[in-house]
C-alpha atoms as a PDB file:
ATOM      1  CA  MET A   1     231.125  80.642 318.028  1.00  0.00           C
ATOM      2  CA  LYS A   2     228.515  78.027 317.246  1.00  0.00           C
ATOM      3  CA  THR A   3     225.729  80.625 317.525  1.00  0.00           C
ATOM      4  CA  ARG A   4     227.625  82.919 315.281  1.00  0.00           C
ATOM      5  CA  ARG A   5     227.863  80.203 312.640  1.00  0.00           C
ATOM      6  CA  VAL A   6     224.132  79.413 312.936  1.00  0.00           C
ATOM      7  CA  ARG A   7     223.268  83.113 312.553  1.00  0.00           C
ATOM      8  CA  PHE A   8     225.509  83.339 309.500  1.00  0.00           C
ATOM      9  CA  LEU A   9     223.869  80.269 307.938  1.00  0.00           C
ATOM     10  CA  ILE A  10     220.370  81.634 308.652  1.00  0.00           C
ATOM     11  CA  LEU A  11     221.289  85.027 307.197  1.00  0.00           C
ATOM     12  CA  GLY A  12     222.745  83.312 304.117  1.00  0.00           C
ATOM     13  CA  ALA A  13     219.611  81.201 303.667  1.00  0.00           C
ATOM     14  CA  VAL A  14     217.389  84.304 303.967  1.00  0.00           C
ATOM     15  CA  LEU A  15     219.506  86.195 301.417  1.00  0.00           C
ATOM     16  CA  LEU A  16     219.469  83.215 299.092  1.00  0.00           C
ATOM     17  CA  ALA A  17     215.677  82.967 299.396  1.00  0.00           C
ATOM     18  CA  LEU A  18     215.273  86.685 298.670  1.00  0.00           C
ATOM     19  CA  VAL A  19     217.573  86.607 295.661  1.00  0.00           C
ATOM     20  CA  GLY A  20     215.924  83.443 294.341  1.00  0.00           C
ATOM     21  CA  SER A  21     212.435  84.886 294.694  1.00  0.00           C
ATOM     22  CA  SER A  22     213.383  88.137 292.984  1.00  0.00           C
ATOM     23  CA  VAL A  23     214.677  86.211 289.983  1.00  0.00           C
ATOM     24  CA  LYS A  24     211.448  84.259 289.794  1.00  0.00           C
ATOM     25  CA  SER A  25     209.365  87.431 289.973  1.00  0.00           C
ATOM     26  CA  ASP A  26     210.941  88.900 286.848  1.00  0.00           C
ATOM     27  CA  ALA A  27     207.961  88.770 284.491  1.00  0.00           C
ATOM     28  CA  ARG A  28     207.051  90.481 281.244  1.00  0.00           C
ATOM     29  CA  VAL A  29     203.710  92.232 280.926  1.00  0.00           C
ATOM     30  CA  GLU A  30     202.253  93.121 277.552  1.00  0.00           C
ATOM     31  CA  VAL A  31     199.212  95.327 277.313  1.00  0.00           C
ATOM     32  CA  GLY A  32     197.118  95.716 274.176  1.00  0.00           C
ATOM     33  CA  VAL A  33     195.754  99.213 273.630  1.00  0.00           C
ATOM     34  CA  GLY A  34     192.869  98.259 271.357  1.00  0.00           C
ATOM     35  CA  MET A  35     194.326  99.476 268.078  1.00  0.00           C
ATOM     36  CA  ASN A  36     192.622  96.886 265.907  1.00  0.00           C
ATOM     37  CA  ILE A  37     191.371  97.734 262.474  1.00  0.00           C
ATOM     38  CA  PRO A  38     188.310  96.266 260.815  1.00  0.00           C
ATOM     39  CA  VAL A  39     189.072  92.953 259.183  1.00  0.00           C
ATOM     40  CA  TYR A  40     188.904  92.927 255.423  1.00  0.00           C
ATOM     41  CA  THR A  41     189.706  89.695 253.633  1.00  0.00           C
ATOM     42  CA  PHE A  42     190.270  89.396 249.911  1.00  0.00           C
ATOM     43  CA  ALA A  43     188.825  86.224 248.417  1.00  0.00           C
ATOM     44  CA  ALA A  44     191.555  86.287 245.751  1.00  0.00           C
ATOM     45  CA  PRO A  45     194.746  88.292 245.328  1.00  0.00           C
ATOM     46  CA  PRO A  46     193.677  91.853 244.448  1.00  0.00           C
ATOM     47  CA  PRO A  47     194.687  93.804 241.361  1.00  0.00           C
ATOM     48  CA  LEU A  48     196.710  96.952 241.946  1.00  0.00           C
ATOM     49  CA  VAL A  49     197.108 100.377 240.380  1.00  0.00           C
ATOM     50  CA  VAL A  50     200.341 102.372 240.504  1.00  0.00           C
ATOM     51  CA  ILE A  51     199.966 105.799 242.112  1.00  0.00           C
ATOM     52  CA  PRO A  52     201.413 108.328 239.633  1.00  0.00           C
ATOM     53  CA  GLY A  53     204.723 109.865 240.610  1.00  0.00           C
ATOM     54  CA  THR A  54     205.495 107.012 243.040  1.00  0.00           C
ATOM     55  CA  TYR A  55     206.233 103.336 243.159  1.00  0.00           C
ATOM     56  CA  ALA A  56     203.401 102.885 245.620  1.00  0.00           C
ATOM     57  CA  TYR A  57     200.281 100.984 244.593  1.00  0.00           C
ATOM     58  CA  TYR A  58     196.687 100.874 245.785  1.00  0.00           C
ATOM     59  CA  VAL A  59     193.943  98.288 245.620  1.00  0.00           C
ATOM     60  CA  PRO A  60     191.015  99.673 243.568  1.00  0.00           C
ATOM     61  CA  ASP A  61     187.290  99.008 244.021  1.00  0.00           C
ATOM     62  CA  ILE A  62     187.226  98.824 247.821  1.00  0.00           C
ATOM     63  CA  ASN A  63     186.044 101.482 250.236  1.00  0.00           C
ATOM     64  CA  MET A  64     189.305 101.747 252.184  1.00  0.00           C
ATOM     65  CA  ASP A  65     192.941 102.413 251.491  1.00  0.00           C
ATOM     66  CA  VAL A  66     195.069  99.308 251.101  1.00  0.00           C
ATOM     67  CA  LEU A  67     198.478 100.313 249.793  1.00  0.00           C
ATOM     68  CA  PHE A  68     201.615  98.464 248.767  1.00  0.00           C
ATOM     69  CA  TYR A  69     205.122  99.911 248.957  1.00  0.00           C
ATOM     70  CA  HIS A  70     208.550  98.244 249.042  1.00  0.00           C
ATOM     71  CA  GLY A  71     207.368  94.781 250.036  1.00  0.00           C
ATOM     72  CA  TYR A  72     204.823  95.818 252.686  1.00  0.00           C
ATOM     73  CA  TRP A  73     201.082  96.427 252.705  1.00  0.00           C
ATOM     74  CA  TYR A  74     199.807  99.504 254.552  1.00  0.00           C
ATOM     75  CA  ARG A  75     196.389 100.539 255.859  1.00  0.00           C
ATOM     76  CA  PRO A  76     195.674 103.927 257.376  1.00  0.00           C
ATOM     77  CA  PHE A  77     192.729 103.834 259.769  1.00  0.00           C
ATOM     78  CA  GLU A  78     191.399 106.588 262.030  1.00  0.00           C
ATOM     79  CA  GLY A  79     194.692 108.511 262.014  1.00  0.00           C
ATOM     80  CA  ARG A  80     196.806 105.426 262.689  1.00  0.00           C
ATOM     81  CA  TRP A  81     198.833 103.280 260.335  1.00  0.00           C
ATOM     82  CA  PHE A  82     199.062  99.516 260.127  1.00  0.00           C
ATOM     83  CA  ARG A  83     201.460  97.316 258.173  1.00  0.00           C
ATOM     84  CA  ALA A  84     201.515  93.684 257.048  1.00  0.00           C
ATOM     85  CA  ARG A  85     203.568  91.367 254.860  1.00  0.00           C
ATOM     86  CA  ASP A  86     200.429  90.016 253.144  1.00  0.00           C
ATOM     87  CA  TYR A  87     197.403  91.814 251.683  1.00  0.00           C
ATOM     88  CA  ASN A  88     195.151  89.916 254.115  1.00  0.00           C
ATOM     89  CA  GLY A  89     197.260  90.774 257.166  1.00  0.00           C
ATOM     90  CA  PRO A  90     197.848  90.213 259.986  1.00  0.00           C
ATOM     91  CA  TRP A  91     198.089  93.956 260.507  1.00  0.00           C
ATOM     92  CA  GLY A  92     200.362  95.463 263.106  1.00  0.00           C
ATOM     93  CA  PHE A  93     200.292  99.048 264.351  1.00  0.00           C
ATOM     94  CA  ILE A  94     203.239 101.225 263.325  1.00  0.00           C
ATOM     95  CA  ALA A  95     204.149 104.724 264.445  1.00  0.00           C
ATOM     96  CA  VAL A  96     203.591 107.503 261.924  1.00  0.00           C
ATOM     97  CA  GLY A  97     207.350 108.100 261.878  1.00  0.00           C
ATOM     98  CA  SER A  98     207.798 104.577 260.467  1.00  0.00           C
ATOM     99  CA  VAL A  99     205.388 105.104 257.568  1.00  0.00           C
ATOM    100  CA  PRO A 100     207.219 105.801 254.282  1.00  0.00           C
ATOM    101  CA  ARG A 101     207.029 109.486 253.375  1.00  0.00           C
ATOM    102  CA  VAL A 102     205.693 108.654 249.931  1.00  0.00           C
ATOM    103  CA  LEU A 103     202.538 107.234 251.565  1.00  0.00           C
ATOM    104  CA  ILE A 104     202.070 110.133 253.973  1.00  0.00           C
ATOM    105  CA  GLY A 105     202.355 112.597 251.079  1.00  0.00           C
ATOM    106  CA  LEU A 106     200.013 110.951 248.572  1.00  0.00           C
ATOM    107  CA  PRO A 107     198.034 113.421 246.456  1.00  0.00           C
ATOM    108  CA  PRO A 108     194.480 113.788 247.833  1.00  0.00           C
ATOM    109  CA  GLY A 109     192.669 112.459 244.754  1.00  0.00           C
ATOM    110  CA  TYR A 110     195.030 109.653 243.856  1.00  0.00           C
ATOM    111  CA  ARG A 111     192.196 107.102 243.755  1.00  0.00           C
ATOM    112  CA  GLN A 112     190.216 109.156 241.208  1.00  0.00           C
ATOM    113  CA  ILE A 113     192.982 109.550 238.625  1.00  0.00           C
ATOM    114  CA  ALA A 114     191.684 108.031 235.411  1.00  0.00           C
ATOM    115  CA  GLY A 115     193.567 106.390 232.606  1.00  0.00           C
ATOM    116  CA  TYR A 116     195.729 103.872 234.319  1.00  0.00           C
ATOM    117  CA  ARG A 117     195.366 100.150 234.020  1.00  0.00           C
ATOM    118  CA  ARG A 118     194.829  97.600 236.738  1.00  0.00           C
ATOM    119  CA  ILE A 119     197.722  95.255 237.247  1.00  0.00           C
ATOM    120  CA  PRO A 120     196.729  91.647 237.977  1.00  0.00           C
ATOM    121  CA  TYR A 121     198.326  90.467 241.204  1.00  0.00           C
ATOM    122  CA  GLY A 122     200.277  87.669 239.505  1.00  0.00           C
ATOM    123  CA  GLU A 123     201.942  90.150 237.153  1.00  0.00           C
ATOM    124  CA  PHE A 124     202.531  92.654 239.958  1.00  0.00           C
ATOM    125  CA  SER A 125     204.025  90.250 242.508  1.00  0.00           C
ATOM    126  CA  GLY A 126     206.612  88.961 240.058  1.00  0.00           C
ATOM    127  CA  ASN A 127     207.664  92.379 238.767  1.00  0.00           C
ATOM    128  CA  TRP A 128     207.356  95.234 241.264  1.00  0.00           C
ATOM    129  CA  ARG A 129     211.033  95.121 242.314  1.00  0.00           C
ATOM    130  CA  ARG A 130     212.274  95.108 238.733  1.00  0.00           C
ATOM    131  CA  TRP A 131     209.849  97.871 237.729  1.00  0.00           C
ATOM    132  CA  GLU A 132     211.216 100.123 240.424  1.00  0.00           C
ATOM    133  CA  ARG A 133     214.850  99.238 239.784  1.00  0.00           C
ATOM    134  CA  ASN A 134     214.489  99.869 236.019  1.00  0.00           C
ATOM    135  CA  ARG A 135     212.241 102.928 236.422  1.00  0.00           C
ATOM    136  CA  TYR A 136     209.545 101.172 234.421  1.00  0.00           C
ATOM    137  CA  TRP A 137     206.724 103.638 235.024  1.00  0.00           C
ATOM    138  CA  GLU A 138     208.692 106.680 233.879  1.00  0.00           C
ATOM    139  CA  LYS A 139     209.019 105.036 230.451  1.00  0.00           C
ATOM    140  CA  ASP A 140     205.245 104.663 230.131  1.00  0.00           C
ATOM    141  CA  GLU A 141     203.453 107.023 227.696  1.00  0.00           C
ATOM    142  CA  TRP A 142     200.621 107.822 230.147  1.00  0.00           C
ATOM    143  CA  TRP A 143     203.166 108.591 232.852  1.00  0.00           C
ATOM    144  CA  ARG A 144     205.093 110.955 230.582  1.00  0.00           C
ATOM    145  CA  SER A 145     201.941 112.692 229.321  1.00  0.00           C
ATOM    146  CA  GLY A 146     201.530 114.553 232.623  1.00  0.00           C
ATOM    147  CA  VAL A 147     197.853 113.607 233.022  1.00  0.00           C
ATOM    148  CA  HIS A 148     198.506 112.445 236.582  1.00  0.00           C
ATOM    149  CA  ARG A 149     200.013 115.840 237.540  1.00  0.00           C
ATOM    150  CA  GLU A 150     196.616 117.529 237.076  1.00  0.00           C
ATOM    151  CA  HIS A 151     195.355 115.708 240.169  1.00  0.00           C
ATOM    152  CA  SER A 152     198.297 116.349 242.490  1.00  0.00           C
END
């Protein structure tokens, strides 16, 4: 009976050790896949231009697409999309299915459309929500003239 009790205690200790070690071995592994985009830093808040037919905006005078839509900044790069809360990043990879349709379907020459004014960042940041809610751009003469439709 004493040997039986000793065996039971040993078996219990072994089981306890195994269960305890399996809990300790539960670890999280995160692997980066190298989806970084070239760093681009604005020295000052950039001006923006509304993209006709949308409430998306782009930053002019740079050799890459930096877009703003509904509170987020977007950058397409080599077939991938990145998103940030600030125009200077940090940029995080997002799946194409998470990119707003309006950005995926931008007209090819949207950066070459002439006739629209640059919006200083200070004016833009305080108004973009209200402009969209009140349909501000549809009330604009240039918008109504149809000039932007020639480039779609």
